Amino acid sequence: MNSAAAGHPRPHRERIWAIGMAVLVGGFLVLVVWRGVLLLDSGSAVGVVIGIAVVVLALVGAWVLWRSVLFGLRMQMLARTLEAEGGLPVDELPRRPSGRADREAADALFERRKSEAEATPEDWRAWFRLSLAYDDAGDRSRARDAARTAYTFYKAGADHGE
């Protein structure tokens, strides 16, 4: 999440990779549904039951894929809005050769971002920056939660230039 939003050296490559993977998974899900429909048409009771299960699992997979794509689009929108306002943080963290942030520096930045979010608990900008800090600190689950909170506050605000 942070890499595309805050100046990581390869945001376009990552975006292309994400689009390619979404298309690949979508194509796989279409094939799975097709196989499920073939099983439904088999006439066998076992085939029909398995066909129903396959179609249901594929539909759940499609829903998960849609939610992931929607999350990414929302985060891009928040990042662009924050960038246009001049509030998108620049990625200044020292990085390992793997591209991951130095843990101590990321933890220090996280503490600062957490304090900012606590000081302004309904500011979507502070929550978005906190989500980037969570991501740099290696806590993807909390990064997504903070990003969702940021979007909720963004959506709730009548004037996004607050």
N, C-alpha and C. Protein backbone atom coordinates (compact mmCIF):
# COMPACT_ATOMS: atom_id res chain seq x y z
N MET A 1 0.83 -1.19 0.00
CA MET A 1 0.00 0.00 0.00
C MET A 1 0.87 1.25 0.00
N ASN A 2 1.80 1.32 0.88
CA ASN A 2 2.61 2.51 1.02
C ASN A 2 3.47 2.75 -0.20
N SER A 3 3.94 1.70 -0.81
CA SER A 3 4.89 1.86 -1.89
C SER A 3 4.33 2.66 -3.06
N ALA A 4 3.10 2.41 -3.44
CA ALA A 4 2.53 3.14 -4.56
C ALA A 4 2.10 4.54 -4.15
N ALA A 5 1.76 4.70 -2.88
CA ALA A 5 1.22 5.98 -2.44
C ALA A 5 2.26 6.97 -2.02
N ALA A 6 3.42 6.53 -1.58
CA ALA A 6 4.33 7.48 -0.96
C ALA A 6 5.72 7.49 -1.57
N GLY A 7 5.82 7.34 -2.85
CA GLY A 7 7.08 7.56 -3.51
C GLY A 7 8.03 6.37 -3.56
N HIS A 8 7.54 5.17 -3.48
CA HIS A 8 8.39 4.00 -3.66
C HIS A 8 8.91 4.03 -5.08
N PRO A 9 10.11 3.52 -5.32
CA PRO A 9 10.71 3.65 -6.65
C PRO A 9 9.97 2.96 -7.80
N ARG A 10 9.05 2.02 -7.52
CA ARG A 10 8.42 1.29 -8.61
C ARG A 10 6.90 1.27 -8.53
N PRO A 11 6.23 2.40 -8.32
CA PRO A 11 4.77 2.32 -8.17
C PRO A 11 4.06 1.84 -9.43
N HIS A 12 4.56 2.20 -10.62
CA HIS A 12 3.88 1.80 -11.85
C HIS A 12 4.02 0.30 -12.08
N ARG A 13 5.16 -0.25 -11.78
CA ARG A 13 5.36 -1.70 -11.93
C ARG A 13 4.41 -2.44 -11.01
N GLU A 14 4.26 -1.96 -9.79
CA GLU A 14 3.37 -2.61 -8.84
C GLU A 14 1.91 -2.50 -9.28
N ARG A 15 1.53 -1.36 -9.85
CA ARG A 15 0.16 -1.19 -10.33
C ARG A 15 -0.11 -2.14 -11.49
N ILE A 16 0.82 -2.25 -12.40
CA ILE A 16 0.67 -3.16 -13.54
C ILE A 16 0.58 -4.60 -13.04
N TRP A 17 1.42 -4.94 -12.05
CA TRP A 17 1.39 -6.28 -11.47
C TRP A 17 0.02 -6.55 -10.86
N ALA A 18 -0.53 -5.59 -10.10
CA ALA A 18 -1.83 -5.76 -9.45
C ALA A 18 -2.94 -5.93 -10.49
N ILE A 19 -2.91 -5.14 -11.54
CA ILE A 19 -3.91 -5.26 -12.59
C ILE A 19 -3.79 -6.62 -13.27
N GLY A 20 -2.57 -7.02 -13.58
CA GLY A 20 -2.36 -8.32 -14.22
C GLY A 20 -2.85 -9.48 -13.36
N MET A 21 -2.57 -9.41 -12.06
CA MET A 21 -3.02 -10.47 -11.16
C MET A 21 -4.54 -10.48 -11.04
N ALA A 22 -5.17 -9.30 -10.99
CA ALA A 22 -6.63 -9.24 -10.91
C ALA A 22 -7.26 -9.84 -12.16
N VAL A 23 -6.70 -9.54 -13.32
CA VAL A 23 -7.21 -10.10 -14.57
C VAL A 23 -7.01 -11.61 -14.60
N LEU A 24 -5.86 -12.06 -14.15
CA LEU A 24 -5.57 -13.49 -14.12
C LEU A 24 -6.54 -14.22 -13.18
N VAL A 25 -6.74 -13.68 -11.98
CA VAL A 25 -7.66 -14.31 -11.03
C VAL A 25 -9.09 -14.26 -11.57
N GLY A 26 -9.48 -13.13 -12.18
CA GLY A 26 -10.81 -13.03 -12.77
C GLY A 26 -11.01 -14.07 -13.86
N GLY A 27 -10.01 -14.25 -14.71
CA GLY A 27 -10.09 -15.27 -15.76
C GLY A 27 -10.19 -16.67 -15.18
N PHE A 28 -9.43 -16.94 -14.14
CA PHE A 28 -9.50 -18.23 -13.46
C PHE A 28 -10.89 -18.46 -12.89
N LEU A 29 -11.48 -17.43 -12.28
CA LEU A 29 -12.81 -17.57 -11.70
C LEU A 29 -13.86 -17.86 -12.78
N VAL A 30 -13.72 -17.24 -13.94
CA VAL A 30 -14.64 -17.52 -15.05
C VAL A 30 -14.52 -18.98 -15.46
N LEU A 31 -13.30 -19.48 -15.56
CA LEU A 31 -13.11 -20.89 -15.92
C LEU A 31 -13.70 -21.82 -14.86
N VAL A 32 -13.54 -21.46 -13.59
CA VAL A 32 -14.08 -22.29 -12.52
C VAL A 32 -15.61 -22.31 -12.59
N VAL A 33 -16.23 -21.16 -12.82
CA VAL A 33 -17.69 -21.12 -12.95
C VAL A 33 -18.13 -21.98 -14.14
N TRP A 34 -17.43 -21.87 -15.23
CA TRP A 34 -17.75 -22.67 -16.42
C TRP A 34 -17.70 -24.17 -16.09
N ARG A 35 -16.66 -24.60 -15.36
CA ARG A 35 -16.56 -26.01 -14.99
C ARG A 35 -17.70 -26.39 -14.03
N GLY A 36 -18.06 -25.46 -13.14
CA GLY A 36 -19.17 -25.71 -12.23
C GLY A 36 -20.47 -25.89 -12.98
N VAL A 37 -20.70 -25.07 -14.01
CA VAL A 37 -21.91 -25.18 -14.82
C VAL A 37 -21.92 -26.51 -15.57
N LEU A 38 -20.76 -26.92 -16.07
CA LEU A 38 -20.68 -28.22 -16.73
C LEU A 38 -21.04 -29.34 -15.77
N LEU A 39 -20.60 -29.23 -14.53
CA LEU A 39 -20.96 -30.24 -13.53
C LEU A 39 -22.46 -30.20 -13.23
N LEU A 40 -23.05 -29.01 -13.21
CA LEU A 40 -24.50 -28.90 -13.00
C LEU A 40 -25.27 -29.58 -14.12
N ASP A 41 -24.76 -29.51 -15.32
CA ASP A 41 -25.41 -30.12 -16.48
C ASP A 41 -25.12 -31.62 -16.61
N SER A 42 -24.30 -32.15 -15.71
CA SER A 42 -23.91 -33.57 -15.84
C SER A 42 -25.08 -34.53 -15.61
N GLY A 43 -26.10 -34.10 -14.87
CA GLY A 43 -27.24 -34.97 -14.61
C GLY A 43 -27.04 -35.86 -13.41
N SER A 44 -25.83 -36.00 -12.94
CA SER A 44 -25.53 -36.83 -11.78
C SER A 44 -25.76 -36.01 -10.51
N ALA A 45 -26.31 -36.63 -9.49
CA ALA A 45 -26.58 -35.93 -8.23
C ALA A 45 -25.28 -35.41 -7.62
N VAL A 46 -24.25 -36.24 -7.63
CA VAL A 46 -22.95 -35.83 -7.10
C VAL A 46 -22.38 -34.67 -7.92
N GLY A 47 -22.50 -34.76 -9.24
CA GLY A 47 -22.02 -33.70 -10.12
C GLY A 47 -22.72 -32.38 -9.86
N VAL A 48 -24.04 -32.44 -9.65
CA VAL A 48 -24.81 -31.23 -9.37
C VAL A 48 -24.38 -30.61 -8.05
N VAL A 49 -24.22 -31.42 -7.01
CA VAL A 49 -23.80 -30.90 -5.71
C VAL A 49 -22.41 -30.28 -5.80
N ILE A 50 -21.50 -30.96 -6.46
CA ILE A 50 -20.15 -30.42 -6.62
C ILE A 50 -20.20 -29.16 -7.49
N GLY A 51 -21.02 -29.16 -8.51
CA GLY A 51 -21.16 -27.99 -9.38
C GLY A 51 -21.66 -26.78 -8.61
N ILE A 52 -22.66 -26.99 -7.74
CA ILE A 52 -23.16 -25.89 -6.91
C ILE A 52 -22.05 -25.36 -6.00
N ALA A 53 -21.32 -26.28 -5.37
CA ALA A 53 -20.23 -25.87 -4.48
C ALA A 53 -19.16 -25.09 -5.24
N VAL A 54 -18.82 -25.54 -6.42
CA VAL A 54 -17.79 -24.86 -7.23
C VAL A 54 -18.26 -23.45 -7.62
N VAL A 55 -19.50 -23.33 -8.05
CA VAL A 55 -20.03 -22.02 -8.45
C VAL A 55 -20.08 -21.08 -7.24
N VAL A 56 -20.53 -21.58 -6.09
CA VAL A 56 -20.59 -20.74 -4.89
C VAL A 56 -19.19 -20.28 -4.49
N LEU A 57 -18.22 -21.19 -4.49
CA LEU A 57 -16.85 -20.80 -4.14
C LEU A 57 -16.29 -19.77 -5.13
N ALA A 58 -16.60 -19.95 -6.40
CA ALA A 58 -16.13 -18.98 -7.39
C ALA A 58 -16.77 -17.62 -7.18
N LEU A 59 -18.05 -17.60 -6.82
CA LEU A 59 -18.72 -16.32 -6.55
C LEU A 59 -18.14 -15.64 -5.32
N VAL A 60 -17.80 -16.42 -4.30
CA VAL A 60 -17.13 -15.84 -3.11
C VAL A 60 -15.78 -15.27 -3.52
N GLY A 61 -15.06 -16.01 -4.34
CA GLY A 61 -13.76 -15.52 -4.84
C GLY A 61 -13.91 -14.24 -5.64
N ALA A 62 -14.95 -14.14 -6.46
CA ALA A 62 -15.20 -12.92 -7.24
C ALA A 62 -15.51 -11.74 -6.31
N TRP A 63 -16.27 -12.01 -5.26
CA TRP A 63 -16.59 -10.96 -4.29
C TRP A 63 -15.32 -10.48 -3.60
N VAL A 64 -14.44 -11.38 -3.19
CA VAL A 64 -13.17 -11.01 -2.54
C VAL A 64 -12.30 -10.21 -3.51
N LEU A 65 -12.24 -10.65 -4.74
CA LEU A 65 -11.46 -9.92 -5.75
C LEU A 65 -12.01 -8.51 -5.93
N TRP A 66 -13.34 -8.37 -6.04
CA TRP A 66 -13.96 -7.06 -6.21
C TRP A 66 -13.65 -6.15 -5.03
N ARG A 67 -13.76 -6.68 -3.81
CA ARG A 67 -13.48 -5.87 -2.62
C ARG A 67 -12.03 -5.41 -2.59
N SER A 68 -11.12 -6.27 -3.02
CA SER A 68 -9.70 -5.90 -3.05
C SER A 68 -9.43 -4.82 -4.08
N VAL A 69 -10.02 -4.95 -5.25
CA VAL A 69 -9.84 -3.93 -6.29
C VAL A 69 -10.46 -2.61 -5.84
N LEU A 70 -11.64 -2.66 -5.26
CA LEU A 70 -12.30 -1.46 -4.77
C LEU A 70 -11.47 -0.78 -3.69
N PHE A 71 -10.89 -1.55 -2.78
CA PHE A 71 -10.01 -1.01 -1.74
C PHE A 71 -8.84 -0.28 -2.38
N GLY A 72 -8.21 -0.91 -3.36
CA GLY A 72 -7.07 -0.28 -4.04
C GLY A 72 -7.45 1.02 -4.73
N LEU A 73 -8.60 1.03 -5.39
CA LEU A 73 -9.04 2.26 -6.06
C LEU A 73 -9.33 3.37 -5.06
N ARG A 74 -9.93 3.01 -3.94
CA ARG A 74 -10.21 4.02 -2.91
C ARG A 74 -8.93 4.58 -2.32
N MET A 75 -7.95 3.73 -2.10
CA MET A 75 -6.69 4.20 -1.53
C MET A 75 -5.94 5.08 -2.52
N GLN A 76 -6.03 4.75 -3.81
CA GLN A 76 -5.44 5.62 -4.83
C GLN A 76 -6.08 6.99 -4.81
N MET A 77 -7.40 7.02 -4.67
CA MET A 77 -8.13 8.29 -4.63
C MET A 77 -7.68 9.12 -3.43
N LEU A 78 -7.58 8.49 -2.26
CA LEU A 78 -7.14 9.22 -1.08
C LEU A 78 -5.71 9.73 -1.26
N ALA A 79 -4.85 8.89 -1.80
CA ALA A 79 -3.45 9.30 -2.00
C ALA A 79 -3.37 10.47 -2.98
N ARG A 80 -4.14 10.42 -4.05
CA ARG A 80 -4.12 11.53 -5.02
C ARG A 80 -4.66 12.82 -4.41
N THR A 81 -5.73 12.70 -3.61
CA THR A 81 -6.30 13.87 -2.95
C THR A 81 -5.28 14.48 -2.00
N LEU A 82 -4.65 13.64 -1.20
CA LEU A 82 -3.67 14.13 -0.24
C LEU A 82 -2.45 14.71 -0.95
N GLU A 83 -2.06 14.11 -2.05
CA GLU A 83 -0.93 14.63 -2.83
C GLU A 83 -1.27 16.00 -3.41
N ALA A 84 -2.50 16.16 -3.92
CA ALA A 84 -2.92 17.44 -4.49
C ALA A 84 -2.93 18.54 -3.43
N GLU A 85 -3.20 18.16 -2.19
CA GLU A 85 -3.19 19.13 -1.09
C GLU A 85 -1.79 19.39 -0.55
N GLY A 86 -0.82 18.62 -1.03
CA GLY A 86 0.55 18.76 -0.55
C GLY A 86 0.79 18.06 0.78
N GLY A 87 -0.10 17.13 1.16
CA GLY A 87 0.03 16.47 2.45
C GLY A 87 0.46 15.02 2.39
N LEU A 88 0.77 14.53 1.20
CA LEU A 88 1.20 13.14 1.09
C LEU A 88 2.64 13.04 1.58
N PRO A 89 2.91 12.19 2.57
CA PRO A 89 4.28 12.12 3.09
C PRO A 89 5.24 11.54 2.06
N VAL A 90 6.42 12.09 2.05
CA VAL A 90 7.48 11.59 1.19
C VAL A 90 8.13 10.41 1.90
N ASP A 91 8.40 9.37 1.17
CA ASP A 91 9.02 8.18 1.75
C ASP A 91 10.50 8.47 1.97
N GLU A 92 10.86 8.77 3.20
CA GLU A 92 12.25 9.10 3.54
C GLU A 92 12.91 8.01 4.37
N LEU A 93 12.21 6.92 4.60
CA LEU A 93 12.75 5.86 5.44
C LEU A 93 13.92 5.16 4.76
N PRO A 94 14.96 4.87 5.55
CA PRO A 94 16.05 4.06 4.97
C PRO A 94 15.51 2.68 4.65
N ARG A 95 15.95 2.14 3.55
CA ARG A 95 15.44 0.85 3.06
C ARG A 95 16.55 -0.19 2.99
N ARG A 96 16.15 -1.42 3.22
CA ARG A 96 17.05 -2.55 3.04
C ARG A 96 17.15 -2.85 1.55
N PRO A 97 18.11 -3.66 1.15
CA PRO A 97 18.20 -4.02 -0.29
C PRO A 97 16.91 -4.64 -0.83
N SER A 98 16.13 -5.29 0.03
CA SER A 98 14.88 -5.91 -0.40
C SER A 98 13.80 -4.87 -0.68
N GLY A 99 14.01 -3.63 -0.24
CA GLY A 99 13.02 -2.58 -0.43
C GLY A 99 12.17 -2.34 0.81
N ARG A 100 12.28 -3.22 1.80
CA ARG A 100 11.53 -3.04 3.04
C ARG A 100 12.18 -1.95 3.88
N ALA A 101 11.36 -1.24 4.63
CA ALA A 101 11.85 -0.14 5.45
C ALA A 101 12.66 -0.67 6.63
N ASP A 102 13.64 0.12 7.05
CA ASP A 102 14.39 -0.18 8.25
C ASP A 102 13.42 -0.19 9.43
N ARG A 103 13.43 -1.24 10.22
CA ARG A 103 12.43 -1.45 11.26
C ARG A 103 12.44 -0.34 12.32
N GLU A 104 13.61 0.04 12.80
CA GLU A 104 13.67 1.07 13.85
C GLU A 104 13.14 2.41 13.34
N ALA A 105 13.53 2.79 12.15
CA ALA A 105 13.06 4.05 11.58
C ALA A 105 11.55 4.00 11.34
N ALA A 106 11.07 2.85 10.87
CA ALA A 106 9.63 2.70 10.62
C ALA A 106 8.85 2.76 11.93
N ASP A 107 9.38 2.16 12.97
CA ASP A 107 8.70 2.21 14.28
C ASP A 107 8.64 3.63 14.83
N ALA A 108 9.72 4.38 14.66
CA ALA A 108 9.73 5.78 15.13
C ALA A 108 8.71 6.61 14.35
N LEU A 109 8.66 6.42 13.05
CA LEU A 109 7.68 7.14 12.23
C LEU A 109 6.26 6.73 12.62
N PHE A 110 6.07 5.46 12.89
CA PHE A 110 4.76 4.97 13.29
C PHE A 110 4.28 5.68 14.56
N GLU A 111 5.16 5.81 15.55
CA GLU A 111 4.78 6.48 16.80
C GLU A 111 4.34 7.91 16.54
N ARG A 112 5.04 8.60 15.65
CA ARG A 112 4.68 9.98 15.32
C ARG A 112 3.31 10.04 14.63
N ARG A 113 3.09 9.16 13.68
CA ARG A 113 1.82 9.13 12.95
C ARG A 113 0.66 8.73 13.87
N LYS A 114 0.93 7.81 14.79
CA LYS A 114 -0.09 7.39 15.74
C LYS A 114 -0.49 8.57 16.62
N SER A 115 0.46 9.34 17.08
CA SER A 115 0.17 10.53 17.91
C SER A 115 -0.66 11.54 17.13
N GLU A 116 -0.34 11.72 15.85
CA GLU A 116 -1.10 12.66 15.01
C GLU A 116 -2.56 12.20 14.87
N ALA A 117 -2.76 10.89 14.66
CA ALA A 117 -4.12 10.37 14.50
C ALA A 117 -4.89 10.47 15.82
N GLU A 118 -4.21 10.25 16.94
CA GLU A 118 -4.87 10.38 18.24
C GLU A 118 -5.24 11.84 18.52
N ALA A 119 -4.41 12.77 18.05
CA ALA A 119 -4.68 14.19 18.29
C ALA A 119 -5.85 14.70 17.45
N THR A 120 -6.04 14.11 16.28
CA THR A 120 -7.15 14.50 15.39
C THR A 120 -7.87 13.22 14.93
N PRO A 121 -8.65 12.62 15.81
CA PRO A 121 -9.20 11.28 15.54
C PRO A 121 -10.19 11.18 14.39
N GLU A 122 -10.73 12.28 13.90
CA GLU A 122 -11.68 12.21 12.78
C GLU A 122 -11.10 12.78 11.49
N ASP A 123 -9.80 12.99 11.46
CA ASP A 123 -9.13 13.53 10.27
C ASP A 123 -8.68 12.37 9.38
N TRP A 124 -9.29 12.25 8.22
CA TRP A 124 -8.95 11.13 7.33
C TRP A 124 -7.49 11.18 6.91
N ARG A 125 -6.95 12.39 6.81
CA ARG A 125 -5.55 12.53 6.38
C ARG A 125 -4.60 11.88 7.39
N ALA A 126 -4.85 12.14 8.67
CA ALA A 126 -4.01 11.55 9.73
C ALA A 126 -4.13 10.03 9.72
N TRP A 127 -5.34 9.52 9.51
CA TRP A 127 -5.54 8.06 9.46
C TRP A 127 -4.86 7.46 8.24
N PHE A 128 -4.91 8.17 7.11
CA PHE A 128 -4.26 7.65 5.91
C PHE A 128 -2.75 7.59 6.10
N ARG A 129 -2.18 8.66 6.67
CA ARG A 129 -0.74 8.65 6.94
C ARG A 129 -0.38 7.58 7.97
N LEU A 130 -1.27 7.34 8.95
CA LEU A 130 -1.05 6.27 9.91
C LEU A 130 -1.06 4.92 9.21
N SER A 131 -1.94 4.75 8.24
CA SER A 131 -1.99 3.47 7.52
C SER A 131 -0.68 3.23 6.77
N LEU A 132 -0.09 4.29 6.22
CA LEU A 132 1.20 4.15 5.54
C LEU A 132 2.29 3.76 6.54
N ALA A 133 2.23 4.36 7.74
CA ALA A 133 3.22 4.04 8.77
C ALA A 133 3.07 2.59 9.25
N TYR A 134 1.83 2.14 9.43
CA TYR A 134 1.60 0.73 9.78
C TYR A 134 2.21 -0.18 8.72
N ASP A 135 2.00 0.17 7.47
CA ASP A 135 2.52 -0.64 6.37
C ASP A 135 4.04 -0.68 6.42
N ASP A 136 4.67 0.48 6.63
CA ASP A 136 6.13 0.51 6.71
C ASP A 136 6.65 -0.29 7.90
N ALA A 137 5.86 -0.31 8.99
CA ALA A 137 6.27 -1.06 10.18
C ALA A 137 6.01 -2.56 10.01
N GLY A 138 5.39 -2.96 8.90
CA GLY A 138 5.18 -4.36 8.60
C GLY A 138 3.87 -4.93 9.10
N ASP A 139 2.95 -4.07 9.53
CA ASP A 139 1.67 -4.55 10.05
C ASP A 139 0.58 -4.28 9.02
N ARG A 140 0.47 -5.16 8.05
CA ARG A 140 -0.46 -4.96 6.94
C ARG A 140 -1.92 -4.98 7.37
N SER A 141 -2.25 -5.81 8.34
CA SER A 141 -3.63 -5.90 8.79
C SER A 141 -4.10 -4.57 9.39
N ARG A 142 -3.30 -4.02 10.27
CA ARG A 142 -3.65 -2.73 10.87
C ARG A 142 -3.55 -1.60 9.84
N ALA A 143 -2.66 -1.75 8.88
CA ALA A 143 -2.57 -0.74 7.82
C ALA A 143 -3.88 -0.68 7.05
N ARG A 144 -4.44 -1.84 6.72
CA ARG A 144 -5.72 -1.87 6.00
C ARG A 144 -6.85 -1.32 6.86
N ASP A 145 -6.84 -1.66 8.16
CA ASP A 145 -7.88 -1.14 9.05
C ASP A 145 -7.81 0.39 9.13
N ALA A 146 -6.60 0.92 9.29
CA ALA A 146 -6.44 2.38 9.36
C ALA A 146 -6.83 3.03 8.04
N ALA A 147 -6.52 2.38 6.92
CA ALA A 147 -6.89 2.92 5.61
C ALA A 147 -8.41 2.92 5.44
N ARG A 148 -9.07 1.87 5.91
CA ARG A 148 -10.54 1.83 5.86
C ARG A 148 -11.13 2.95 6.71
N THR A 149 -10.54 3.18 7.88
CA THR A 149 -11.00 4.27 8.75
C THR A 149 -10.82 5.61 8.04
N ALA A 150 -9.69 5.78 7.38
CA ALA A 150 -9.44 7.01 6.64
C ALA A 150 -10.52 7.21 5.57
N TYR A 151 -10.84 6.16 4.85
CA TYR A 151 -11.86 6.28 3.79
C TYR A 151 -13.22 6.60 4.39
N THR A 152 -13.54 5.98 5.52
CA THR A 152 -14.82 6.25 6.19
C THR A 152 -14.93 7.73 6.55
N PHE A 153 -13.88 8.29 7.12
CA PHE A 153 -13.90 9.71 7.49
C PHE A 153 -13.90 10.60 6.23
N TYR A 154 -13.18 10.17 5.20
CA TYR A 154 -13.17 10.93 3.94
C TYR A 154 -14.57 10.99 3.36
N LYS A 155 -15.21 9.84 3.30
CA LYS A 155 -16.56 9.73 2.72
C LYS A 155 -17.57 10.53 3.55
N ALA A 156 -17.40 10.56 4.87
CA ALA A 156 -18.32 11.25 5.76
C ALA A 156 -18.19 12.77 5.67
N GLY A 157 -17.00 13.25 5.28
CA GLY A 157 -16.77 14.69 5.20
C GLY A 157 -17.45 15.29 3.98
N ALA A 158 -18.24 16.34 4.20
CA ALA A 158 -18.94 17.00 3.09
C ALA A 158 -17.96 17.77 2.22
N ASP A 159 -16.98 18.40 2.85
CA ASP A 159 -16.00 19.20 2.12
C ASP A 159 -14.66 18.50 2.26
N HIS A 160 -14.18 17.88 1.18
CA HIS A 160 -12.95 17.12 1.25
C HIS A 160 -11.73 18.01 1.22
N GLY A 161 -11.90 19.27 1.14
CA GLY A 161 -10.77 20.17 1.23
C GLY A 161 -10.66 20.78 2.63
N GLU A 162 -11.27 20.14 3.63
CA GLU A 162 -11.34 20.63 5.01
C GLU A 162 -10.05 21.20 5.50
